[in-house]
């Protein structure tokens, strides 16, 4: 199993989930409803996107260290 491919795919799906939660948040706020769990719902996928994004950012540096 290729972990890098799995992490990239997870990052893509997390970005879709994040976008949907932000759109839902904006829609509810524009209707005048302020529900706490909807307001904070984008934070969970955003946190995991941070982790997967940092991993993908560091991959070239790890590959360069392994070659040397």
C-alpha atoms as a PDB file:
ATOM      1  CA  UNK A   1       0.000   0.000   0.000  1.00  0.00           C
ATOM      2  CA  UNK A   2       1.312   3.411  -0.949  1.00  0.00           C
ATOM      3  CA  UNK A   3       0.849   5.718   2.037  1.00  0.00           C
ATOM      4  CA  UNK A   4       1.600   8.866   0.055  1.00  0.00           C
ATOM      5  CA  UNK A   5      -1.198   8.110  -2.388  1.00  0.00           C
ATOM      6  CA  UNK A   6      -3.584   7.381   0.485  1.00  0.00           C
ATOM      7  CA  UNK A   7      -2.711  10.661   2.211  1.00  0.00           C
ATOM      8  CA  UNK A   8      -3.231  12.628  -1.021  1.00  0.00           C
ATOM      9  CA  UNK A   9      -6.623  11.006  -1.559  1.00  0.00           C
ATOM     10  CA  UNK A  10      -7.622  11.712   2.054  1.00  0.00           C
ATOM     11  CA  UNK A  11      -6.558  15.338   1.614  1.00  0.00           C
ATOM     12  CA  UNK A  12      -8.744  15.648  -1.485  1.00  0.00           C
ATOM     13  CA  UNK A  13     -11.800  14.207   0.246  1.00  0.00           C
ATOM     14  CA  UNK A  14     -11.217  16.353   3.307  1.00  0.00           C
ATOM     15  CA  UNK A  15     -11.135  19.449   1.116  1.00  0.00           C
ATOM     16  CA  UNK A  16     -14.539  18.503  -0.331  1.00  0.00           C
ATOM     17  CA  UNK A  17     -15.976  17.971   3.155  1.00  0.00           C
ATOM     18  CA  UNK A  18     -14.461  21.248   4.337  1.00  0.00           C
ATOM     19  CA  UNK A  19     -15.968  23.141   1.399  1.00  0.00           C
ATOM     20  CA  UNK A  20     -19.410  21.661   2.023  1.00  0.00           C
ATOM     21  CA  UNK A  21     -19.319  22.575   5.714  1.00  0.00           C
ATOM     22  CA  UNK A  22     -18.280  26.137   4.909  1.00  0.00           C
ATOM     23  CA  UNK A  23     -21.093  26.472   2.349  1.00  0.00           C
ATOM     24  CA  UNK A  24     -23.600  25.108   4.885  1.00  0.00           C
ATOM     25  CA  UNK A  25     -22.259  27.522   7.484  1.00  0.00           C
ATOM     26  CA  UNK A  26     -22.629  30.508   5.160  1.00  0.00           C
ATOM     27  CA  UNK A  27     -26.124  29.420   4.105  1.00  0.00           C
ATOM     28  CA  UNK A  28     -27.358  29.105   7.693  1.00  0.00           C
ATOM     29  CA  UNK A  29     -25.802  32.378   8.784  1.00  0.00           C
ATOM     30  CA  UNK A  30     -27.376  34.172   5.812  1.00  0.00           C
ATOM     31  CA  UNK A  31     -30.779  32.793   6.887  1.00  0.00           C
ATOM     32  CA  UNK A  32     -30.242  34.247  10.341  1.00  0.00           C
ATOM     33  CA  UNK A  33     -29.617  30.998  12.161  1.00  0.00           C
ATOM     34  CA  UNK A  34     -26.514  30.640  14.273  1.00  0.00           C
ATOM     35  CA  UNK A  35     -26.140  26.999  15.309  1.00  0.00           C
ATOM     36  CA  UNK A  36     -22.973  26.333  17.263  1.00  0.00           C
ATOM     37  CA  UNK A  37     -22.161  22.878  15.887  1.00  0.00           C
ATOM     38  CA  UNK A  38     -22.562  24.106  12.309  1.00  0.00           C
ATOM     39  CA  UNK A  39     -20.364  27.106  13.033  1.00  0.00           C
ATOM     40  CA  UNK A  40     -17.541  24.917  14.333  1.00  0.00           C
ATOM     41  CA  UNK A  41     -18.009  21.985  11.936  1.00  0.00           C
ATOM     42  CA  UNK A  42     -15.357  23.166   9.402  1.00  0.00           C
ATOM     43  CA  UNK A  43     -12.653  23.003  12.062  1.00  0.00           C
ATOM     44  CA  UNK A  44     -12.369  19.199  12.210  1.00  0.00           C
ATOM     45  CA  UNK A  45     -11.687  18.642   8.491  1.00  0.00           C
ATOM     46  CA  UNK A  46      -9.479  21.739   8.492  1.00  0.00           C
ATOM     47  CA  UNK A  47      -7.332  20.244  11.261  1.00  0.00           C
ATOM     48  CA  UNK A  48      -6.875  16.988   9.339  1.00  0.00           C
ATOM     49  CA  UNK A  49      -6.168  18.949   6.151  1.00  0.00           C
ATOM     50  CA  UNK A  50      -3.424  20.746   8.062  1.00  0.00           C
ATOM     51  CA  UNK A  51      -1.840  17.426   9.028  1.00  0.00           C
ATOM     52  CA  UNK A  52      -2.061  15.892   5.557  1.00  0.00           C
ATOM     53  CA  UNK A  53      -0.933  19.129   3.925  1.00  0.00           C
ATOM     54  CA  UNK A  54       2.120  19.357   6.154  1.00  0.00           C
ATOM     55  CA  UNK A  55       2.952  15.750   5.331  1.00  0.00           C
ATOM     56  CA  UNK A  56       2.732  16.430   1.583  1.00  0.00           C
ATOM     57  CA  UNK A  57       4.803  19.578   2.037  1.00  0.00           C
ATOM     58  CA  UNK A  58       7.552  17.628   3.811  1.00  0.00           C
ATOM     59  CA  UNK A  59       7.649  14.696   1.364  1.00  0.00           C
ATOM     60  CA  UNK A  60      10.226  16.214  -1.031  1.00  0.00           C
ATOM     61  CA  UNK A  61      12.531  16.986   1.883  1.00  0.00           C
ATOM     62  CA  UNK A  62      12.274  13.411   3.167  1.00  0.00           C
ATOM     63  CA  UNK A  63      12.994  12.049  -0.315  1.00  0.00           C
ATOM     64  CA  UNK A  64      16.018  14.324  -0.654  1.00  0.00           C
ATOM     65  CA  UNK A  65      17.339  13.183   2.738  1.00  0.00           C
ATOM     66  CA  UNK A  66      16.956   9.521   1.746  1.00  0.00           C
ATOM     67  CA  UNK A  67      18.906  10.036  -1.486  1.00  0.00           C
ATOM     68  CA  UNK A  68      21.856  11.659   0.248  1.00  0.00           C
END
